[in-house]
Amino acid sequence: QRHEDLVESKLAGVDIKRRRIEEIITAQVAD
């Protein structure tokens, strides 16, 4: 949790958005 919080704090807004899109698409592929 500490590590992921640190990674999250260093991401710019655009990077967070891109990561969220990647996670959604990955979930759709699994579906």
PDB file of all heavy atoms in Angstrom:
ATOM      1  N   GLN A   1       0.822  -1.207   0.000  1.00  0.00           N
ATOM      2  CA  GLN A   1       0.000   0.000   0.000  1.00  0.00           C
ATOM      3  C   GLN A   1       0.858   1.260   0.000  1.00  0.00           C
ATOM      4  O   GLN A   1       0.561   2.220  -0.725  1.00  0.00           O
ATOM      5  CB  GLN A   1      -0.929   0.000   1.217  1.00  0.00           C
ATOM      6  CG  GLN A   1      -1.986   1.094   1.177  1.00  0.00           C
ATOM      7  CD  GLN A   1      -2.916   0.958  -0.022  1.00  0.00           C
ATOM      8  OE1 GLN A   1      -3.540  -0.078  -0.203  1.00  0.00           O
ATOM      9  NE2 GLN A   1      -2.980   1.995  -0.850  1.00  0.00           N
ATOM     10  N   ARG A   2       1.925   1.273   0.789  1.00  0.00           N
ATOM     11  CA  ARG A   2       2.821   2.438   0.818  1.00  0.00           C
ATOM     12  C   ARG A   2       3.425   2.691  -0.561  1.00  0.00           C
ATOM     13  O   ARG A   2       3.511   3.828  -1.038  1.00  0.00           O
ATOM     14  CB  ARG A   2       3.942   2.227   1.847  1.00  0.00           C
ATOM     15  CG  ARG A   2       3.538   2.456   3.274  1.00  0.00           C
ATOM     16  CD  ARG A   2       4.758   2.574   4.184  1.00  0.00           C
ATOM     17  NE  ARG A   2       5.599   1.379   4.163  1.00  0.00           N
ATOM     18  CZ  ARG A   2       5.432   0.339   4.973  1.00  0.00           C
ATOM     19  NH1 ARG A   2       4.427   0.326   5.841  1.00  0.00           N
ATOM     20  NH2 ARG A   2       6.260  -0.704   4.915  1.00  0.00           N
ATOM     21  N   HIS A   3       3.857   1.609  -1.199  1.00  0.00           N
ATOM     22  CA  HIS A   3       4.494   1.750  -2.512  1.00  0.00           C
ATOM     23  C   HIS A   3       3.498   2.271  -3.547  1.00  0.00           C
ATOM     24  O   HIS A   3       3.819   3.183  -4.329  1.00  0.00           O
ATOM     25  CB  HIS A   3       5.054   0.397  -2.966  1.00  0.00           C
ATOM     26  CG  HIS A   3       5.636   0.426  -4.340  1.00  0.00           C
ATOM     27  ND1 HIS A   3       6.833   1.040  -4.627  1.00  0.00           N
ATOM     28  CD2 HIS A   3       5.170  -0.072  -5.528  1.00  0.00           C
ATOM     29  CE1 HIS A   3       7.095   0.918  -5.914  1.00  0.00           C
ATOM     30  NE2 HIS A   3       6.099   0.254  -6.482  1.00  0.00           N
ATOM     31  N   GLU A   4       2.301   1.718  -3.570  1.00  0.00           N
ATOM     32  CA  GLU A   4       1.314   2.148  -4.556  1.00  0.00           C
ATOM     33  C   GLU A   4       0.854   3.575  -4.288  1.00  0.00           C
ATOM     34  O   GLU A   4       0.581   4.333  -5.236  1.00  0.00           O
ATOM     35  CB  GLU A   4       0.137   1.175  -4.567  1.00  0.00           C
ATOM     36  CG  GLU A   4       0.525  -0.206  -5.096  1.00  0.00           C
ATOM     37  CD  GLU A   4      -0.656  -1.138  -5.265  1.00  0.00           C
ATOM     38  OE1 GLU A   4      -1.783  -0.760  -4.865  1.00  0.00           O
ATOM     39  OE2 GLU A   4      -0.461  -2.246  -5.800  1.00  0.00           O
ATOM     40  N   ASP A   5       0.774   3.969  -3.037  1.00  0.00           N
ATOM     41  CA  ASP A   5       0.438   5.364  -2.713  1.00  0.00           C
ATOM     42  C   ASP A   5       1.530   6.298  -3.217  1.00  0.00           C
ATOM     43  O   ASP A   5       1.238   7.394  -3.730  1.00  0.00           O
ATOM     44  CB  ASP A   5       0.273   5.535  -1.197  1.00  0.00           C
ATOM     45  CG  ASP A   5      -1.001   4.882  -0.678  1.00  0.00           C
ATOM     46  OD1 ASP A   5      -1.887   4.566  -1.499  1.00  0.00           O
ATOM     47  OD2 ASP A   5      -1.114   4.696   0.555  1.00  0.00           O
ATOM     48  N   LEU A   6       2.790   5.867  -3.104  1.00  0.00           N
ATOM     49  CA  LEU A   6       3.916   6.680  -3.573  1.00  0.00           C
ATOM     50  C   LEU A   6       3.867   6.817  -5.095  1.00  0.00           C
ATOM     51  O   LEU A   6       4.072   7.921  -5.634  1.00  0.00           O
ATOM     52  CB  LEU A   6       5.236   6.032  -3.142  1.00  0.00           C
ATOM     53  CG  LEU A   6       6.524   6.753  -3.576  1.00  0.00           C
ATOM     54  CD1 LEU A   6       6.576   8.157  -2.969  1.00  0.00           C
ATOM     55  CD2 LEU A   6       7.747   5.950  -3.163  1.00  0.00           C
ATOM     56  N   VAL A   7       3.613   5.728  -5.767  1.00  0.00           N
ATOM     57  CA  VAL A   7       3.501   5.762  -7.232  1.00  0.00           C
ATOM     58  C   VAL A   7       2.372   6.692  -7.649  1.00  0.00           C
ATOM     59  O   VAL A   7       2.518   7.521  -8.553  1.00  0.00           O
ATOM     60  CB  VAL A   7       3.269   4.344  -7.790  1.00  0.00           C
ATOM     61  CG1 VAL A   7       2.916   4.400  -9.275  1.00  0.00           C
ATOM     62  CG2 VAL A   7       4.491   3.477  -7.569  1.00  0.00           C
ATOM     63  N   GLU A   8       1.241   6.584  -6.975  1.00  0.00           N
ATOM     64  CA  GLU A   8       0.078   7.417  -7.292  1.00  0.00           C
ATOM     65  C   GLU A   8       0.390   8.893  -7.112  1.00  0.00           C
ATOM     66  O   GLU A   8      -0.006   9.734  -7.931  1.00  0.00           O
ATOM     67  CB  GLU A   8      -1.100   7.020  -6.393  1.00  0.00           C
ATOM     68  CG  GLU A   8      -2.402   7.736  -6.681  1.00  0.00           C
ATOM     69  CD  GLU A   8      -3.177   7.123  -7.830  1.00  0.00           C
ATOM     70  OE1 GLU A   8      -2.816   6.022  -8.267  1.00  0.00           O
ATOM     71  OE2 GLU A   8      -4.143   7.762  -8.282  1.00  0.00           O
ATOM     72  N   SER A   9       1.132   9.221  -6.063  1.00  0.00           N
ATOM     73  CA  SER A   9       1.436  10.629  -5.780  1.00  0.00           C
ATOM     74  C   SER A   9       2.347  11.254  -6.829  1.00  0.00           C
ATOM     75  O   SER A   9       2.365  12.474  -7.003  1.00  0.00           O
ATOM     76  CB  SER A   9       2.082  10.756  -4.398  1.00  0.00           C
ATOM     77  OG  SER A   9       3.382  10.171  -4.391  1.00  0.00           O
ATOM     78  N   LYS A  10       3.100  10.425  -7.540  1.00  0.00           N
ATOM     79  CA  LYS A  10       4.040  10.943  -8.537  1.00  0.00           C
ATOM     80  C   LYS A  10       3.449  11.006  -9.938  1.00  0.00           C
ATOM     81  O   LYS A  10       4.080  11.527 -10.863  1.00  0.00           O
ATOM     82  CB  LYS A  10       5.299  10.067  -8.554  1.00  0.00           C
ATOM     83  CG  LYS A  10       6.127  10.187  -7.272  1.00  0.00           C
ATOM     84  CD  LYS A  10       7.397   9.368  -7.364  1.00  0.00           C
ATOM     85  CE  LYS A  10       8.259   9.555  -6.114  1.00  0.00           C
ATOM     86  NZ  LYS A  10       9.525   8.777  -6.188  1.00  0.00           N
ATOM     87  N   LEU A  11       2.254  10.454 -10.117  1.00  0.00           N
ATOM     88  CA  LEU A  11       1.632  10.457 -11.427  1.00  0.00           C
ATOM     89  C   LEU A  11       0.938  11.782 -11.703  1.00  0.00           C
ATOM     90  O   LEU A  11       0.262  12.337 -10.839  1.00  0.00           O
ATOM     91  CB  LEU A  11       0.604   9.330 -11.531  1.00  0.00           C
ATOM     92  CG  LEU A  11       1.140   7.900 -11.599  1.00  0.00           C
ATOM     93  CD1 LEU A  11      -0.015   6.919 -11.617  1.00  0.00           C
ATOM     94  CD2 LEU A  11       2.021   7.698 -12.821  1.00  0.00           C
ATOM     95  N   ALA A  12       1.108  12.265 -12.920  1.00  0.00           N
ATOM     96  CA  ALA A  12       0.376  13.458 -13.338  1.00  0.00           C
ATOM     97  C   ALA A  12      -1.060  13.054 -13.643  1.00  0.00           C
ATOM     98  O   ALA A  12      -1.380  11.876 -13.819  1.00  0.00           O
ATOM     99  CB  ALA A  12       1.035  14.058 -14.570  1.00  0.00           C
ATOM    100  N   GLY A  13      -1.936  14.057 -13.730  1.00  0.00           N
ATOM    101  CA  GLY A  13      -3.344  13.782 -13.992  1.00  0.00           C
ATOM    102  C   GLY A  13      -3.566  12.986 -15.255  1.00  0.00           C
ATOM    103  O   GLY A  13      -4.381  12.059 -15.289  1.00  0.00           O
ATOM    104  N   VAL A  14      -2.814  13.279 -16.305  1.00  0.00           N
ATOM    105  CA  VAL A  14      -2.972  12.569 -17.567  1.00  0.00           C
ATOM    106  C   VAL A  14      -2.542  11.113 -17.445  1.00  0.00           C
ATOM    107  O   VAL A  14      -3.126  10.216 -18.053  1.00  0.00           O
ATOM    108  CB  VAL A  14      -2.179  13.274 -18.701  1.00  0.00           C
ATOM    109  CG1 VAL A  14      -0.676  13.222 -18.418  1.00  0.00           C
ATOM    110  CG2 VAL A  14      -2.476  12.626 -20.043  1.00  0.00           C
ATOM    111  N   ASP A  15      -1.520  10.860 -16.625  1.00  0.00           N
ATOM    112  CA  ASP A  15      -1.052   9.485 -16.417  1.00  0.00           C
ATOM    113  C   ASP A  15      -2.075   8.664 -15.643  1.00  0.00           C
ATOM    114  O   ASP A  15      -2.269   7.482 -15.915  1.00  0.00           O
ATOM    115  CB  ASP A  15       0.279   9.490 -15.658  1.00  0.00           C
ATOM    116  CG  ASP A  15       1.414  10.074 -16.491  1.00  0.00           C
ATOM    117  OD1 ASP A  15       1.378   9.879 -17.711  1.00  0.00           O
ATOM    118  OD2 ASP A  15       2.299  10.720 -15.917  1.00  0.00           O
ATOM    119  N   ILE A  16      -2.711   9.302 -14.654  1.00  0.00           N
ATOM    120  CA  ILE A  16      -3.749   8.607 -13.890  1.00  0.00           C
ATOM    121  C   ILE A  16      -4.917   8.247 -14.792  1.00  0.00           C
ATOM    122  O   ILE A  16      -5.467   7.143 -14.730  1.00  0.00           O
ATOM    123  CB  ILE A  16      -4.226   9.494 -12.717  1.00  0.00           C
ATOM    124  CG1 ILE A  16      -3.073   9.693 -11.707  1.00  0.00           C
ATOM    125  CG2 ILE A  16      -5.429   8.871 -12.027  1.00  0.00           C
ATOM    126  CD1 ILE A  16      -3.401  10.627 -10.577  1.00  0.00           C
ATOM    127  N   LYS A  17      -5.301   9.189 -15.685  1.00  0.00           N
ATOM    128  CA  LYS A  17      -6.396   8.942 -16.613  1.00  0.00           C
ATOM    129  C   LYS A  17      -6.047   7.801 -17.561  1.00  0.00           C
ATOM    130  O   LYS A  17      -6.867   6.917 -17.819  1.00  0.00           O
ATOM    131  CB  LYS A  17      -6.696  10.212 -17.405  1.00  0.00           C
ATOM    132  CG  LYS A  17      -7.859  10.075 -18.374  1.00  0.00           C
ATOM    133  CD  LYS A  17      -8.110  11.386 -19.094  1.00  0.00           C
ATOM    134  CE  LYS A  17      -9.268  11.241 -20.086  1.00  0.00           C
ATOM    135  NZ  LYS A  17      -9.533  12.518 -20.799  1.00  0.00           N
ATOM    136  N   ARG A  18      -4.807   7.784 -18.070  1.00  0.00           N
ATOM    137  CA  ARG A  18      -4.379   6.733 -18.982  1.00  0.00           C
ATOM    138  C   ARG A  18      -4.394   5.381 -18.288  1.00  0.00           C
ATOM    139  O   ARG A  18      -4.816   4.376 -18.868  1.00  0.00           O
ATOM    140  CB  ARG A  18      -2.977   7.045 -19.504  1.00  0.00           C
ATOM    141  CG  ARG A  18      -2.490   6.038 -20.563  1.00  0.00           C
ATOM    142  CD  ARG A  18      -1.059   6.327 -20.988  1.00  0.00           C
ATOM    143  NE  ARG A  18      -0.935   7.652 -21.556  1.00  0.00           N
ATOM    144  CZ  ARG A  18      -0.233   8.651 -20.994  1.00  0.00           C
ATOM    145  NH1 ARG A  18       0.413   8.437 -19.854  1.00  0.00           N
ATOM    146  NH2 ARG A  18      -0.170   9.823 -21.574  1.00  0.00           N
ATOM    147  N   ARG A  19      -3.928   5.373 -17.048  1.00  0.00           N
ATOM    148  CA  ARG A  19      -3.903   4.114 -16.316  1.00  0.00           C
ATOM    149  C   ARG A  19      -5.314   3.594 -16.080  1.00  0.00           C
ATOM    150  O   ARG A  19      -5.570   2.392 -16.209  1.00  0.00           O
ATOM    151  CB  ARG A  19      -3.201   4.291 -14.976  1.00  0.00           C
ATOM    152  CG  ARG A  19      -2.944   2.970 -14.248  1.00  0.00           C
ATOM    153  CD  ARG A  19      -2.350   3.191 -12.871  1.00  0.00           C
ATOM    154  NE  ARG A  19      -3.378   3.676 -11.939  1.00  0.00           N
ATOM    155  CZ  ARG A  19      -3.139   3.953 -10.656  1.00  0.00           C
ATOM    156  NH1 ARG A  19      -1.914   3.839 -10.178  1.00  0.00           N
ATOM    157  NH2 ARG A  19      -4.103   4.369  -9.865  1.00  0.00           N
ATOM    158  N   ARG A  20      -6.230   4.494 -15.781  1.00  0.00           N
ATOM    159  CA  ARG A  20      -7.608   4.090 -15.542  1.00  0.00           C
ATOM    160  C   ARG A  20      -8.221   3.494 -16.816  1.00  0.00           C
ATOM    161  O   ARG A  20      -8.921   2.476 -16.769  1.00  0.00           O
ATOM    162  CB  ARG A  20      -8.433   5.290 -15.065  1.00  0.00           C
ATOM    163  CG  ARG A  20      -9.912   4.975 -14.808  1.00  0.00           C
ATOM    164  CD  ARG A  20     -10.080   3.863 -13.809  1.00  0.00           C
ATOM    165  NE  ARG A  20     -11.478   3.551 -13.570  1.00  0.00           N
ATOM    166  CZ  ARG A  20     -11.917   2.374 -13.185  1.00  0.00           C
ATOM    167  NH1 ARG A  20     -11.066   1.373 -12.981  1.00  0.00           N
ATOM    168  NH2 ARG A  20     -13.206   2.166 -12.987  1.00  0.00           N
ATOM    169  N   ILE A  21      -7.936   4.114 -17.957  1.00  0.00           N
ATOM    170  CA  ILE A  21      -8.436   3.590 -19.234  1.00  0.00           C
ATOM    171  C   ILE A  21      -7.870   2.202 -19.487  1.00  0.00           C
ATOM    172  O   ILE A  21      -8.580   1.284 -19.910  1.00  0.00           O
ATOM    173  CB  ILE A  21      -8.074   4.542 -20.390  1.00  0.00           C
ATOM    174  CG1 ILE A  21      -8.869   5.839 -20.260  1.00  0.00           C
ATOM    175  CG2 ILE A  21      -8.355   3.880 -21.737  1.00  0.00           C
ATOM    176  CD1 ILE A  21      -8.479   6.894 -21.256  1.00  0.00           C
ATOM    177  N   GLU A  22      -6.578   2.030 -19.217  1.00  0.00           N
ATOM    178  CA  GLU A  22      -5.942   0.722 -19.407  1.00  0.00           C
ATOM    179  C   GLU A  22      -6.604  -0.343 -18.542  1.00  0.00           C
ATOM    180  O   GLU A  22      -6.819  -1.470 -18.988  1.00  0.00           O
ATOM    181  CB  GLU A  22      -4.453   0.822 -19.075  1.00  0.00           C
ATOM    182  CG  GLU A  22      -3.637   1.612 -20.091  1.00  0.00           C
ATOM    183  CD  GLU A  22      -2.183   1.739 -19.685  1.00  0.00           C
ATOM    184  OE1 GLU A  22      -1.849   1.341 -18.540  1.00  0.00           O
ATOM    185  OE2 GLU A  22      -1.386   2.210 -20.509  1.00  0.00           O
ATOM    186  N   GLU A  23      -6.929   0.020 -17.316  1.00  0.00           N
ATOM    187  CA  GLU A  23      -7.551  -0.938 -16.414  1.00  0.00           C
ATOM    188  C   GLU A  23      -8.951  -1.313 -16.885  1.00  0.00           C
ATOM    189  O   GLU A  23      -9.357  -2.478 -16.804  1.00  0.00           O
ATOM    190  CB  GLU A  23      -7.591  -0.363 -14.996  1.00  0.00           C
ATOM    191  CG  GLU A  23      -6.201  -0.243 -14.365  1.00  0.00           C
ATOM    192  CD  GLU A  23      -6.227   0.431 -12.998  1.00  0.00           C
ATOM    193  OE1 GLU A  23      -7.329   0.860 -12.578  1.00  0.00           O
ATOM    194  OE2 GLU A  23      -5.165   0.534 -12.358  1.00  0.00           O
ATOM    195  N   ILE A  24      -9.695  -0.333 -17.401  1.00  0.00           N
ATOM    196  CA  ILE A  24     -11.046  -0.610 -17.902  1.00  0.00           C
ATOM    197  C   ILE A  24     -10.987  -1.523 -19.124  1.00  0.00           C
ATOM    198  O   ILE A  24     -11.746  -2.496 -19.235  1.00  0.00           O
ATOM    199  CB  ILE A  24     -11.774   0.707 -18.248  1.00  0.00           C
ATOM    200  CG1 ILE A  24     -12.068   1.501 -16.962  1.00  0.00           C
ATOM    201  CG2 ILE A  24     -13.066   0.435 -19.005  1.00  0.00           C
ATOM    202  CD1 ILE A  24     -12.637   2.876 -17.201  1.00  0.00           C
ATOM    203  N   ILE A  25     -10.079  -1.216 -20.064  1.00  0.00           N
ATOM    204  CA  ILE A  25      -9.949  -2.031 -21.271  1.00  0.00           C
ATOM    205  C   ILE A  25      -9.510  -3.446 -20.912  1.00  0.00           C
ATOM    206  O   ILE A  25      -9.996  -4.434 -21.484  1.00  0.00           O
ATOM    207  CB  ILE A  25      -8.959  -1.385 -22.258  1.00  0.00           C
ATOM    208  CG1 ILE A  25      -9.501  -0.041 -22.740  1.00  0.00           C
ATOM    209  CG2 ILE A  25      -8.705  -2.309 -23.438  1.00  0.00           C
ATOM    210  CD1 ILE A  25     -10.864  -0.113 -23.387  1.00  0.00           C
ATOM    211  N   THR A  26      -8.596  -3.551 -19.963  1.00  0.00           N
ATOM    212  CA  THR A  26      -8.146  -4.874 -19.523  1.00  0.00           C
ATOM    213  C   THR A  26      -9.304  -5.672 -18.949  1.00  0.00           C
ATOM    214  O   THR A  26      -9.443  -6.877 -19.221  1.00  0.00           O
ATOM    215  CB  THR A  26      -7.034  -4.738 -18.475  1.00  0.00           C
ATOM    216  OG1 THR A  26      -5.934  -4.018 -19.038  1.00  0.00           O
ATOM    217  CG2 THR A  26      -6.550  -6.099 -18.005  1.00  0.00           C
ATOM    218  N   ALA A  27     -10.159  -5.016 -18.172  1.00  0.00           N
ATOM    219  CA  ALA A  27     -11.327  -5.686 -17.601  1.00  0.00           C
ATOM    220  C   ALA A  27     -12.285  -6.133 -18.705  1.00  0.00           C
ATOM    221  O   ALA A  27     -12.889  -7.207 -18.626  1.00  0.00           O
ATOM    222  CB  ALA A  27     -12.034  -4.752 -16.621  1.00  0.00           C
ATOM    223  N   GLN A  28     -12.413  -5.320 -19.760  1.00  0.00           N
ATOM    224  CA  GLN A  28     -13.294  -5.689 -20.866  1.00  0.00           C
ATOM    225  C   GLN A  28     -12.762  -6.898 -21.622  1.00  0.00           C
ATOM    226  O   GLN A  28     -13.531  -7.766 -22.054  1.00  0.00           O
ATOM    227  CB  GLN A  28     -13.473  -4.500 -21.826  1.00  0.00           C
ATOM    228  CG  GLN A  28     -14.328  -3.384 -21.252  1.00  0.00           C
ATOM    229  CD  GLN A  28     -14.799  -2.402 -22.307  1.00  0.00           C
ATOM    230  OE1 GLN A  28     -15.742  -1.639 -22.076  1.00  0.00           O
ATOM    231  NE2 GLN A  28     -14.183  -2.387 -23.470  1.00  0.00           N
ATOM    232  N   VAL A  29     -11.450  -6.959 -21.785  1.00  0.00           N
ATOM    233  CA  VAL A  29     -10.851  -8.121 -22.445  1.00  0.00           C
ATOM    234  C   VAL A  29     -11.103  -9.384 -21.610  1.00  0.00           C
ATOM    235  O   VAL A  29     -11.457 -10.437 -22.153  1.00  0.00           O
ATOM    236  CB  VAL A  29      -9.339  -7.915 -22.653  1.00  0.00           C
ATOM    237  CG1 VAL A  29      -8.670  -9.222 -23.098  1.00  0.00           C
ATOM    238  CG2 VAL A  29      -9.084  -6.822 -23.685  1.00  0.00           C
ATOM    239  N   ALA A  30     -10.938  -9.271 -20.304  1.00  0.00           N
ATOM    240  CA  ALA A  30     -11.191 -10.420 -19.435  1.00  0.00           C
ATOM    241  C   ALA A  30     -12.658 -10.838 -19.506  1.00  0.00           C
ATOM    242  O   ALA A  30     -12.982 -12.034 -19.464  1.00  0.00           O
ATOM    243  CB  ALA A  30     -10.800 -10.080 -17.999  1.00  0.00           C
ATOM    244  N   ASP A  31     -13.545  -9.851 -19.625  1.00  0.00           N
ATOM    245  CA  ASP A  31     -14.981 -10.141 -19.751  1.00  0.00           C
ATOM    246  C   ASP A  31     -15.261 -10.861 -21.065  1.00  0.00           C
ATOM    247  O   ASP A  31     -16.032 -11.822 -21.118  1.00  0.00           O
ATOM    248  CB  ASP A  31     -15.768  -8.827 -19.689  1.00  0.00           C
ATOM    249  CG  ASP A  31     -17.211  -9.040 -19.254  1.00  0.00           C
ATOM    250  OD1 ASP A  31     -17.620 -10.200 -19.070  1.00  0.00           O
ATOM    251  OD2 ASP A  31     -17.941  -8.036 -19.094  1.00  0.00           O
TER     252      ASP A  31
END
